[in-house]
N, C-alpha and C. Protein backbone atom coordinates (compact mmCIF):
# COMPACT_ATOMS: atom_id res chain seq x y z
N UNK A 1 22.66 -38.09 -27.87
CA UNK A 1 22.70 -38.82 -26.62
C UNK A 1 21.35 -39.49 -26.36
N UNK A 2 21.41 -40.59 -25.64
CA UNK A 2 20.18 -41.31 -25.31
C UNK A 2 19.33 -40.49 -24.35
N UNK A 3 18.01 -40.61 -24.51
CA UNK A 3 17.10 -39.98 -23.56
C UNK A 3 16.77 -40.99 -22.45
N UNK A 4 16.08 -40.56 -21.43
CA UNK A 4 15.77 -41.41 -20.26
C UNK A 4 15.03 -42.68 -20.66
N UNK A 5 14.08 -42.56 -21.56
CA UNK A 5 13.30 -43.73 -21.99
C UNK A 5 14.22 -44.77 -22.67
N UNK A 6 15.12 -44.31 -23.52
CA UNK A 6 16.05 -45.21 -24.19
C UNK A 6 17.00 -45.87 -23.19
N UNK A 7 17.48 -45.08 -22.23
CA UNK A 7 18.39 -45.61 -21.21
C UNK A 7 17.69 -46.72 -20.42
N UNK A 8 16.43 -46.50 -20.09
CA UNK A 8 15.66 -47.50 -19.34
C UNK A 8 15.41 -48.77 -20.16
N UNK A 9 15.27 -48.65 -21.48
CA UNK A 9 15.00 -49.81 -22.36
C UNK A 9 16.25 -50.60 -22.72
N UNK A 10 17.41 -49.96 -22.67
CA UNK A 10 18.63 -50.58 -23.17
C UNK A 10 19.00 -51.91 -22.50
N UNK A 11 18.92 -52.06 -21.18
CA UNK A 11 19.29 -53.36 -20.60
C UNK A 11 18.45 -54.52 -21.11
N UNK A 12 17.15 -54.37 -21.15
CA UNK A 12 16.28 -55.46 -21.64
C UNK A 12 16.51 -55.72 -23.11
N UNK A 13 16.66 -54.68 -23.90
CA UNK A 13 16.92 -54.85 -25.33
C UNK A 13 18.25 -55.58 -25.54
N UNK A 14 19.24 -55.28 -24.71
CA UNK A 14 20.54 -55.95 -24.79
C UNK A 14 20.38 -57.44 -24.50
N UNK A 15 19.69 -57.76 -23.43
CA UNK A 15 19.48 -59.16 -23.06
C UNK A 15 18.77 -59.91 -24.16
N UNK A 16 17.68 -59.35 -24.67
CA UNK A 16 16.93 -60.02 -25.74
C UNK A 16 17.78 -60.23 -26.98
N UNK A 17 18.55 -59.22 -27.36
CA UNK A 17 19.39 -59.33 -28.56
C UNK A 17 20.46 -60.40 -28.38
N UNK A 18 21.10 -60.44 -27.24
CA UNK A 18 22.20 -61.37 -27.05
C UNK A 18 21.74 -62.81 -26.83
N UNK A 19 20.58 -63.00 -26.18
CA UNK A 19 20.08 -64.37 -26.00
C UNK A 19 19.73 -65.03 -27.33
N UNK A 20 19.42 -64.24 -28.33
CA UNK A 20 19.06 -64.81 -29.63
C UNK A 20 20.19 -64.66 -30.66
N UNK A 21 21.37 -64.27 -30.22
CA UNK A 21 22.47 -63.94 -31.15
C UNK A 21 23.53 -65.02 -31.25
N UNK A 22 23.12 -66.23 -31.46
CA UNK A 22 24.10 -67.31 -31.56
C UNK A 22 24.04 -67.93 -32.94
N UNK A 23 25.08 -68.66 -33.31
CA UNK A 23 25.02 -69.39 -34.59
C UNK A 23 23.99 -70.50 -34.48
N UNK A 24 22.74 -70.16 -34.65
CA UNK A 24 21.67 -71.15 -34.58
C UNK A 24 21.25 -71.51 -33.17
N UNK A 25 21.87 -70.91 -32.14
CA UNK A 25 21.59 -71.23 -30.74
C UNK A 25 21.60 -72.73 -30.50
N UNK A 26 22.53 -73.40 -31.18
CA UNK A 26 22.59 -74.86 -31.10
C UNK A 26 23.80 -75.34 -30.32
N UNK A 27 24.65 -74.43 -29.89
CA UNK A 27 25.85 -74.83 -29.20
C UNK A 27 26.97 -75.18 -30.16
N UNK A 28 26.70 -75.13 -31.45
CA UNK A 28 27.75 -75.43 -32.42
C UNK A 28 28.37 -74.13 -32.90
N UNK A 29 29.44 -74.25 -33.62
CA UNK A 29 30.11 -73.07 -34.15
C UNK A 29 31.44 -72.84 -33.45
N UNK A 30 32.33 -72.19 -34.15
CA UNK A 30 33.64 -71.88 -33.59
C UNK A 30 33.56 -70.65 -32.70
N UNK A 31 34.62 -70.41 -31.93
CA UNK A 31 34.68 -69.20 -31.11
C UNK A 31 34.48 -67.97 -31.98
N UNK A 32 35.13 -67.98 -33.16
CA UNK A 32 35.03 -66.84 -34.08
C UNK A 32 33.59 -66.63 -34.55
N UNK A 33 32.86 -67.71 -34.85
CA UNK A 33 31.46 -67.60 -35.29
C UNK A 33 30.57 -67.07 -34.16
N UNK A 34 30.82 -67.53 -32.94
CA UNK A 34 30.04 -67.04 -31.80
C UNK A 34 30.31 -65.55 -31.57
N UNK A 35 31.57 -65.16 -31.62
CA UNK A 35 31.91 -63.75 -31.41
C UNK A 35 31.32 -62.89 -32.51
N UNK A 36 31.35 -63.36 -33.74
CA UNK A 36 30.76 -62.63 -34.87
C UNK A 36 29.25 -62.46 -34.64
N UNK A 37 28.57 -63.48 -34.16
CA UNK A 37 27.13 -63.39 -33.89
C UNK A 37 26.84 -62.33 -32.83
N UNK A 38 27.66 -62.27 -31.80
CA UNK A 38 27.48 -61.25 -30.75
C UNK A 38 27.73 -59.86 -31.34
N UNK A 39 28.80 -59.72 -32.13
CA UNK A 39 29.11 -58.45 -32.77
C UNK A 39 27.92 -57.97 -33.62
N UNK A 40 27.36 -58.86 -34.45
CA UNK A 40 26.24 -58.49 -35.32
C UNK A 40 25.01 -58.09 -34.50
N UNK A 41 24.77 -58.78 -33.39
CA UNK A 41 23.64 -58.41 -32.53
C UNK A 41 23.86 -57.02 -31.93
N UNK A 42 25.08 -56.73 -31.54
CA UNK A 42 25.37 -55.40 -30.97
C UNK A 42 25.33 -54.31 -32.03
N UNK A 43 25.73 -54.61 -33.25
CA UNK A 43 25.61 -53.63 -34.34
C UNK A 43 24.14 -53.27 -34.54
N UNK A 44 23.27 -54.29 -34.60
CA UNK A 44 21.83 -54.05 -34.77
C UNK A 44 21.27 -53.28 -33.58
N UNK A 45 21.66 -53.66 -32.37
CA UNK A 45 21.21 -52.94 -31.18
C UNK A 45 21.67 -51.49 -31.22
N UNK A 46 22.92 -51.28 -31.62
CA UNK A 46 23.46 -49.93 -31.74
C UNK A 46 22.65 -49.08 -32.71
N UNK A 47 22.27 -49.67 -33.84
CA UNK A 47 21.45 -48.93 -34.82
C UNK A 47 20.11 -48.54 -34.22
N UNK A 48 19.50 -49.46 -33.48
CA UNK A 48 18.20 -49.17 -32.85
C UNK A 48 18.28 -48.02 -31.86
N UNK A 49 19.44 -47.85 -31.22
CA UNK A 49 19.60 -46.83 -30.18
C UNK A 49 20.52 -45.69 -30.62
N UNK A 50 20.92 -45.69 -31.87
CA UNK A 50 21.83 -44.67 -32.42
C UNK A 50 23.16 -44.63 -31.65
N UNK A 51 23.71 -45.83 -31.39
CA UNK A 51 24.99 -45.98 -30.72
C UNK A 51 25.99 -46.54 -31.73
N UNK A 52 27.23 -46.15 -31.61
CA UNK A 52 28.29 -46.61 -32.52
C UNK A 52 29.03 -47.79 -31.91
N UNK A 53 29.27 -48.82 -32.71
CA UNK A 53 30.02 -49.99 -32.24
C UNK A 53 31.52 -49.72 -32.36
N UNK A 54 32.26 -50.17 -31.38
CA UNK A 54 33.71 -50.14 -31.42
C UNK A 54 34.22 -51.52 -31.07
N UNK A 55 35.14 -52.10 -31.78
CA UNK A 55 35.76 -51.58 -32.99
C UNK A 55 34.78 -51.63 -34.16
N UNK A 56 34.91 -50.69 -35.07
CA UNK A 56 33.95 -50.56 -36.16
C UNK A 56 34.10 -51.65 -37.22
N UNK A 57 35.28 -52.22 -37.33
CA UNK A 57 35.54 -53.18 -38.41
C UNK A 57 35.22 -54.62 -38.07
N UNK A 58 34.74 -54.89 -36.88
CA UNK A 58 34.36 -56.25 -36.52
C UNK A 58 35.23 -56.83 -35.43
N UNK A 59 34.91 -58.07 -35.05
CA UNK A 59 35.67 -58.73 -33.99
C UNK A 59 37.15 -58.85 -34.36
N UNK A 60 37.98 -58.77 -33.35
CA UNK A 60 39.43 -58.96 -33.50
C UNK A 60 40.07 -57.87 -34.36
N UNK A 61 39.45 -56.70 -34.47
CA UNK A 61 39.95 -55.62 -35.32
C UNK A 61 40.21 -54.35 -34.51
N UNK A 62 41.08 -54.43 -33.54
CA UNK A 62 41.45 -53.22 -32.80
C UNK A 62 40.74 -53.03 -31.50
N UNK A 63 40.32 -54.11 -30.86
CA UNK A 63 39.65 -53.97 -29.57
C UNK A 63 40.62 -53.43 -28.53
N UNK A 64 40.07 -52.73 -27.56
CA UNK A 64 40.87 -52.21 -26.46
C UNK A 64 40.25 -52.69 -25.15
N UNK A 65 40.92 -53.53 -24.42
CA UNK A 65 40.52 -54.11 -23.15
C UNK A 65 39.35 -55.09 -23.27
N UNK A 66 38.23 -54.66 -23.81
CA UNK A 66 37.08 -55.55 -23.98
C UNK A 66 36.81 -55.74 -25.47
N UNK A 67 35.98 -56.73 -25.78
CA UNK A 67 35.73 -57.05 -27.19
C UNK A 67 34.97 -55.96 -27.93
N UNK A 68 33.90 -55.43 -27.29
CA UNK A 68 33.05 -54.47 -27.98
C UNK A 68 32.57 -53.38 -27.02
N UNK A 69 32.33 -52.20 -27.60
CA UNK A 69 31.76 -51.09 -26.85
C UNK A 69 30.69 -50.45 -27.74
N UNK A 70 29.55 -50.13 -27.16
CA UNK A 70 28.56 -49.29 -27.84
C UNK A 70 28.72 -47.89 -27.28
N UNK A 71 29.05 -46.96 -28.18
CA UNK A 71 29.45 -45.61 -27.81
C UNK A 71 28.33 -44.63 -28.12
N UNK A 72 28.01 -43.78 -27.16
CA UNK A 72 27.01 -42.74 -27.31
C UNK A 72 27.76 -41.41 -27.49
N UNK A 73 27.73 -40.86 -28.70
CA UNK A 73 28.45 -39.61 -28.98
C UNK A 73 27.98 -38.53 -28.02
N UNK A 74 28.92 -37.81 -27.45
CA UNK A 74 28.61 -36.76 -26.49
C UNK A 74 28.46 -37.26 -25.07
N UNK A 75 28.49 -38.59 -24.89
CA UNK A 75 28.37 -39.17 -23.55
C UNK A 75 29.55 -40.09 -23.24
N UNK A 76 29.72 -41.12 -24.08
CA UNK A 76 30.77 -42.11 -23.87
C UNK A 76 30.21 -43.51 -23.97
N UNK A 77 30.86 -44.47 -23.31
CA UNK A 77 30.44 -45.88 -23.44
C UNK A 77 29.17 -46.18 -22.67
N UNK A 78 28.16 -46.61 -23.40
CA UNK A 78 26.91 -47.06 -22.77
C UNK A 78 26.98 -48.54 -22.44
N UNK A 79 27.71 -49.30 -23.26
CA UNK A 79 27.78 -50.75 -23.09
C UNK A 79 29.19 -51.23 -23.41
N UNK A 80 29.77 -52.00 -22.50
CA UNK A 80 31.06 -52.67 -22.74
C UNK A 80 30.78 -54.16 -22.68
N UNK A 81 31.29 -54.89 -23.66
CA UNK A 81 30.99 -56.32 -23.76
C UNK A 81 32.27 -57.13 -23.92
N UNK A 82 32.38 -58.16 -23.12
CA UNK A 82 33.47 -59.13 -23.23
C UNK A 82 32.85 -60.50 -23.51
N UNK A 83 33.41 -61.22 -24.47
CA UNK A 83 32.97 -62.58 -24.79
C UNK A 83 34.05 -63.55 -24.32
N UNK A 84 33.62 -64.65 -23.73
CA UNK A 84 34.59 -65.67 -23.29
C UNK A 84 34.05 -67.04 -23.65
N UNK A 85 34.62 -67.60 -24.69
CA UNK A 85 34.27 -68.95 -25.10
C UNK A 85 35.36 -69.85 -24.52
N UNK A 86 34.99 -70.75 -23.66
CA UNK A 86 35.97 -71.55 -22.92
C UNK A 86 36.74 -72.46 -23.87
N UNK A 87 38.03 -72.40 -23.76
CA UNK A 87 38.91 -73.20 -24.59
C UNK A 87 40.21 -73.44 -23.85
N UNK A 88 41.16 -74.03 -24.48
CA UNK A 88 42.40 -74.45 -23.82
C UNK A 88 43.17 -73.31 -23.16
N UNK A 89 43.11 -72.10 -23.70
CA UNK A 89 43.92 -71.01 -23.15
C UNK A 89 43.41 -70.53 -21.79
N UNK A 90 42.12 -70.46 -21.62
CA UNK A 90 41.52 -70.01 -20.36
C UNK A 90 40.35 -70.93 -20.03
N UNK A 91 40.64 -72.15 -19.60
CA UNK A 91 39.56 -73.12 -19.39
C UNK A 91 38.81 -72.90 -18.08
N UNK A 92 37.61 -73.41 -18.04
CA UNK A 92 36.84 -73.52 -16.81
C UNK A 92 36.56 -72.22 -16.09
N UNK A 93 36.40 -72.37 -14.77
CA UNK A 93 36.01 -71.25 -13.93
C UNK A 93 37.03 -70.12 -13.96
N UNK A 94 38.31 -70.45 -14.07
CA UNK A 94 39.33 -69.41 -14.12
C UNK A 94 39.15 -68.53 -15.36
N UNK A 95 38.79 -69.14 -16.48
CA UNK A 95 38.59 -68.38 -17.71
C UNK A 95 37.43 -67.41 -17.62
N UNK A 96 36.34 -67.85 -17.01
CA UNK A 96 35.17 -66.98 -16.84
C UNK A 96 35.52 -65.82 -15.90
N UNK A 97 36.19 -66.12 -14.81
CA UNK A 97 36.59 -65.07 -13.88
C UNK A 97 37.57 -64.10 -14.51
N UNK A 98 38.53 -64.62 -15.25
CA UNK A 98 39.53 -63.79 -15.94
C UNK A 98 38.85 -62.81 -16.89
N UNK A 99 37.88 -63.29 -17.66
CA UNK A 99 37.17 -62.43 -18.61
C UNK A 99 36.34 -61.38 -17.88
N UNK A 100 35.67 -61.79 -16.82
CA UNK A 100 34.83 -60.84 -16.08
C UNK A 100 35.68 -59.76 -15.41
N UNK A 101 36.87 -60.12 -15.00
CA UNK A 101 37.75 -59.15 -14.33
C UNK A 101 37.99 -57.92 -15.19
N UNK A 102 38.02 -58.08 -16.51
CA UNK A 102 38.20 -56.93 -17.40
C UNK A 102 37.08 -55.92 -17.23
N UNK A 103 35.86 -56.40 -17.04
CA UNK A 103 34.71 -55.49 -16.94
C UNK A 103 34.70 -54.68 -15.65
N UNK A 104 35.36 -55.18 -14.63
CA UNK A 104 35.41 -54.42 -13.37
C UNK A 104 36.17 -53.11 -13.55
N UNK A 105 37.10 -53.07 -14.51
CA UNK A 105 37.91 -51.88 -14.70
C UNK A 105 37.47 -50.97 -15.83
N UNK A 106 36.32 -51.23 -16.38
CA UNK A 106 35.83 -50.45 -17.52
C UNK A 106 34.76 -49.47 -17.06
N UNK A 107 34.78 -48.28 -17.60
CA UNK A 107 33.75 -47.28 -17.33
C UNK A 107 32.66 -47.45 -18.38
N UNK A 108 31.48 -47.86 -17.97
CA UNK A 108 30.36 -48.06 -18.89
C UNK A 108 29.09 -48.26 -18.07
N UNK A 109 27.97 -47.83 -18.63
CA UNK A 109 26.69 -48.01 -17.94
C UNK A 109 26.32 -49.48 -17.81
N UNK A 110 26.46 -50.22 -18.92
CA UNK A 110 26.18 -51.65 -18.93
C UNK A 110 27.49 -52.40 -19.13
N UNK A 111 27.76 -53.32 -18.25
CA UNK A 111 28.96 -54.16 -18.35
C UNK A 111 28.48 -55.57 -18.62
N UNK A 112 28.73 -56.05 -19.84
CA UNK A 112 28.12 -57.29 -20.32
C UNK A 112 29.18 -58.36 -20.53
N UNK A 113 28.95 -59.53 -19.94
CA UNK A 113 29.81 -60.68 -20.18
C UNK A 113 28.97 -61.75 -20.86
N UNK A 114 29.41 -62.19 -22.04
CA UNK A 114 28.76 -63.26 -22.78
C UNK A 114 29.74 -64.42 -22.77
N UNK A 115 29.28 -65.61 -22.36
CA UNK A 115 30.21 -66.72 -22.19
C UNK A 115 29.48 -68.05 -22.31
N UNK A 116 30.28 -69.11 -22.47
CA UNK A 116 29.71 -70.45 -22.42
C UNK A 116 30.28 -71.16 -21.20
N UNK A 117 29.41 -71.86 -20.50
CA UNK A 117 29.81 -72.61 -19.31
C UNK A 117 28.73 -73.61 -18.97
N UNK A 118 29.17 -74.78 -18.56
CA UNK A 118 28.21 -75.81 -18.15
C UNK A 118 28.31 -76.04 -16.63
N UNK A 119 28.63 -74.98 -15.90
CA UNK A 119 28.76 -75.06 -14.45
C UNK A 119 28.19 -73.78 -13.83
N UNK A 120 27.99 -73.82 -12.52
CA UNK A 120 27.44 -72.68 -11.78
C UNK A 120 28.47 -71.55 -11.78
N UNK A 121 28.03 -70.34 -12.09
CA UNK A 121 28.95 -69.22 -12.22
C UNK A 121 28.63 -68.06 -11.28
N UNK A 122 27.45 -68.04 -10.71
CA UNK A 122 27.06 -66.90 -9.89
C UNK A 122 28.03 -66.66 -8.74
N UNK A 123 28.52 -67.72 -8.11
CA UNK A 123 29.44 -67.55 -6.99
C UNK A 123 30.77 -66.93 -7.44
N UNK A 124 31.20 -67.24 -8.66
CA UNK A 124 32.42 -66.65 -9.20
C UNK A 124 32.24 -65.14 -9.34
N UNK A 125 31.14 -64.73 -9.96
CA UNK A 125 30.89 -63.31 -10.18
C UNK A 125 30.67 -62.57 -8.87
N UNK A 126 29.95 -63.20 -7.95
CA UNK A 126 29.72 -62.56 -6.64
C UNK A 126 31.07 -62.29 -5.96
N UNK A 127 31.97 -63.25 -6.01
CA UNK A 127 33.29 -63.09 -5.41
C UNK A 127 34.05 -61.92 -6.04
N UNK A 128 34.01 -61.82 -7.36
CA UNK A 128 34.68 -60.71 -8.05
C UNK A 128 34.03 -59.37 -7.70
N UNK A 129 32.70 -59.34 -7.60
CA UNK A 129 32.01 -58.10 -7.27
C UNK A 129 32.30 -57.66 -5.84
N UNK A 130 32.48 -58.62 -4.95
CA UNK A 130 32.83 -58.30 -3.56
C UNK A 130 34.25 -57.75 -3.46
N UNK A 131 35.08 -58.05 -4.43
CA UNK A 131 36.48 -57.68 -4.38
C UNK A 131 36.80 -56.30 -4.93
N UNK A 132 35.78 -55.49 -5.14
CA UNK A 132 36.01 -54.14 -5.67
C UNK A 132 35.02 -53.17 -5.03
N UNK A 133 35.46 -51.96 -4.80
CA UNK A 133 34.61 -50.94 -4.18
C UNK A 133 34.01 -49.99 -5.21
N UNK A 134 34.43 -50.07 -6.46
CA UNK A 134 33.99 -49.12 -7.47
C UNK A 134 32.66 -49.54 -8.11
N UNK A 135 31.62 -49.55 -7.30
CA UNK A 135 30.28 -49.84 -7.79
C UNK A 135 29.46 -48.56 -7.73
N UNK A 136 28.65 -48.33 -8.77
CA UNK A 136 27.81 -47.14 -8.83
C UNK A 136 26.41 -47.52 -9.25
N UNK A 137 25.43 -46.83 -8.72
CA UNK A 137 24.03 -47.15 -9.01
C UNK A 137 23.67 -46.88 -10.47
N UNK A 138 24.53 -46.19 -11.20
CA UNK A 138 24.28 -45.92 -12.62
C UNK A 138 24.77 -47.05 -13.51
N UNK A 139 25.35 -48.08 -12.93
CA UNK A 139 25.86 -49.22 -13.70
C UNK A 139 24.96 -50.44 -13.54
N UNK A 140 25.08 -51.33 -14.50
CA UNK A 140 24.42 -52.63 -14.38
C UNK A 140 25.33 -53.67 -15.02
N UNK A 141 25.46 -54.81 -14.35
CA UNK A 141 26.20 -55.94 -14.89
C UNK A 141 25.20 -56.92 -15.49
N UNK A 142 25.46 -57.34 -16.72
CA UNK A 142 24.60 -58.31 -17.39
C UNK A 142 25.47 -59.51 -17.78
N UNK A 143 24.98 -60.69 -17.46
CA UNK A 143 25.68 -61.94 -17.76
C UNK A 143 24.80 -62.77 -18.68
N UNK A 144 25.33 -63.19 -19.82
CA UNK A 144 24.59 -64.03 -20.76
C UNK A 144 25.38 -65.33 -20.89
N UNK A 145 24.78 -66.42 -20.40
CA UNK A 145 25.45 -67.71 -20.33
C UNK A 145 24.83 -68.68 -21.32
N UNK A 146 25.69 -69.26 -22.16
CA UNK A 146 25.26 -70.30 -23.08
C UNK A 146 25.82 -71.64 -22.60
N UNK A 147 24.99 -72.66 -22.71
CA UNK A 147 25.38 -74.02 -22.36
C UNK A 147 24.73 -74.92 -23.39
N UNK A 148 25.44 -75.15 -24.50
CA UNK A 148 24.85 -75.91 -25.60
C UNK A 148 23.68 -75.17 -26.17
N UNK A 149 22.52 -75.81 -26.21
CA UNK A 149 21.33 -75.17 -26.79
C UNK A 149 20.57 -74.32 -25.77
N UNK A 150 21.03 -74.31 -24.52
CA UNK A 150 20.36 -73.52 -23.47
C UNK A 150 21.07 -72.19 -23.30
N UNK A 151 20.29 -71.18 -22.99
CA UNK A 151 20.86 -69.86 -22.74
C UNK A 151 20.07 -69.20 -21.61
N UNK A 152 20.79 -68.41 -20.80
CA UNK A 152 20.11 -67.64 -19.76
C UNK A 152 20.85 -66.33 -19.57
N UNK A 153 20.14 -65.38 -19.01
CA UNK A 153 20.75 -64.10 -18.69
C UNK A 153 20.37 -63.74 -17.27
N UNK A 154 21.31 -63.14 -16.57
CA UNK A 154 21.04 -62.62 -15.24
C UNK A 154 21.83 -61.34 -15.07
N UNK A 155 21.41 -60.53 -14.11
CA UNK A 155 22.04 -59.22 -13.96
C UNK A 155 22.13 -58.83 -12.49
N UNK A 156 22.92 -57.78 -12.27
CA UNK A 156 23.01 -57.18 -10.94
C UNK A 156 23.23 -55.68 -11.12
N UNK A 157 22.47 -54.91 -10.36
CA UNK A 157 22.63 -53.47 -10.31
C UNK A 157 23.00 -53.09 -8.89
N UNK A 158 24.08 -52.34 -8.70
CA UNK A 158 24.46 -51.93 -7.34
C UNK A 158 23.32 -51.20 -6.63
N UNK A 159 23.17 -51.51 -5.36
CA UNK A 159 22.11 -50.90 -4.54
C UNK A 159 22.50 -49.50 -4.07
N UNK A 160 23.79 -49.26 -3.99
CA UNK A 160 24.32 -47.96 -3.55
C UNK A 160 25.74 -47.86 -4.10
N UNK A 161 26.32 -46.70 -4.03
CA UNK A 161 27.70 -46.52 -4.48
C UNK A 161 28.65 -47.14 -3.46
N UNK A 162 29.73 -47.75 -3.94
CA UNK A 162 30.77 -48.26 -3.06
C UNK A 162 30.67 -49.75 -2.77
N UNK A 163 31.30 -50.15 -1.69
CA UNK A 163 31.41 -51.55 -1.29
C UNK A 163 30.04 -52.14 -0.97
N UNK A 164 29.85 -53.39 -1.37
CA UNK A 164 28.62 -54.12 -1.08
C UNK A 164 28.94 -55.36 -0.24
N UNK A 165 27.98 -55.76 0.56
CA UNK A 165 28.12 -56.99 1.33
C UNK A 165 27.56 -58.15 0.50
N UNK A 166 27.95 -59.35 0.85
CA UNK A 166 27.54 -60.55 0.11
C UNK A 166 26.02 -60.60 -0.06
N UNK A 167 25.27 -60.31 1.00
CA UNK A 167 23.80 -60.40 0.92
C UNK A 167 23.20 -59.34 0.00
N UNK A 168 23.97 -58.32 -0.36
CA UNK A 168 23.47 -57.27 -1.25
C UNK A 168 23.68 -57.61 -2.74
N UNK A 169 24.41 -58.65 -3.00
CA UNK A 169 24.66 -59.03 -4.39
C UNK A 169 23.77 -60.21 -4.73
N UNK A 170 22.59 -59.89 -5.19
CA UNK A 170 21.58 -60.89 -5.56
C UNK A 170 21.29 -60.71 -7.04
N UNK A 171 21.48 -61.75 -7.81
CA UNK A 171 21.30 -61.68 -9.25
C UNK A 171 19.83 -61.85 -9.63
N UNK A 172 19.43 -61.10 -10.65
CA UNK A 172 18.08 -61.19 -11.20
C UNK A 172 18.14 -62.00 -12.48
N UNK A 173 17.32 -63.04 -12.57
CA UNK A 173 17.25 -63.88 -13.75
C UNK A 173 16.31 -63.25 -14.77
N UNK A 174 16.71 -63.26 -16.05
CA UNK A 174 15.91 -62.68 -17.12
C UNK A 174 15.56 -63.75 -18.15
N UNK A 175 14.43 -63.57 -18.77
CA UNK A 175 14.02 -64.44 -19.87
C UNK A 175 13.93 -63.59 -21.12
N UNK A 176 14.28 -64.17 -22.25
CA UNK A 176 14.21 -63.45 -23.52
C UNK A 176 12.76 -63.06 -23.82
N UNK A 177 12.60 -61.86 -24.32
CA UNK A 177 11.29 -61.34 -24.76
C UNK A 177 10.24 -61.35 -23.67
N UNK A 178 10.65 -61.40 -22.40
CA UNK A 178 9.68 -61.31 -21.31
C UNK A 178 9.37 -59.84 -21.06
N UNK A 179 8.17 -59.56 -20.62
CA UNK A 179 7.81 -58.17 -20.34
C UNK A 179 7.85 -57.88 -18.87
């Protein structure tokens, strides 16, 4: 199981790994190539923290509810990750919201959504977070947004257990490799 120091380092390490985990970070590549890049970044992250990736055989190989989970033996899911590359099946804001909705129902310390969007998304996520009471101070939501060659990450950690008011949901912007 992870120790306190590892638990404290995991969110930043996750953000750094995912911000640099694209097919060249150029905005090119198929959905499958992008998902594979995220999977490989999580495999490497898992090795650094002695966490097991699920599904073990790669993307699209037996996922349950979300695309990937980093599992801590003796504890459970430390990280649940859903990827949403916007395409015809779930376009635009509805697709991003639909993908994020899966993470609201998952038990995990870190709930990570990796997606591409060329529009403002914070209001979508805030609305979804306001629509559920199952928030715990032991969780953190991490959002990694790609827009062509640009990438950003932002997060939210519940201030208290239970329902939050709109003014309590303030996202923190992160930069890769920042200290």
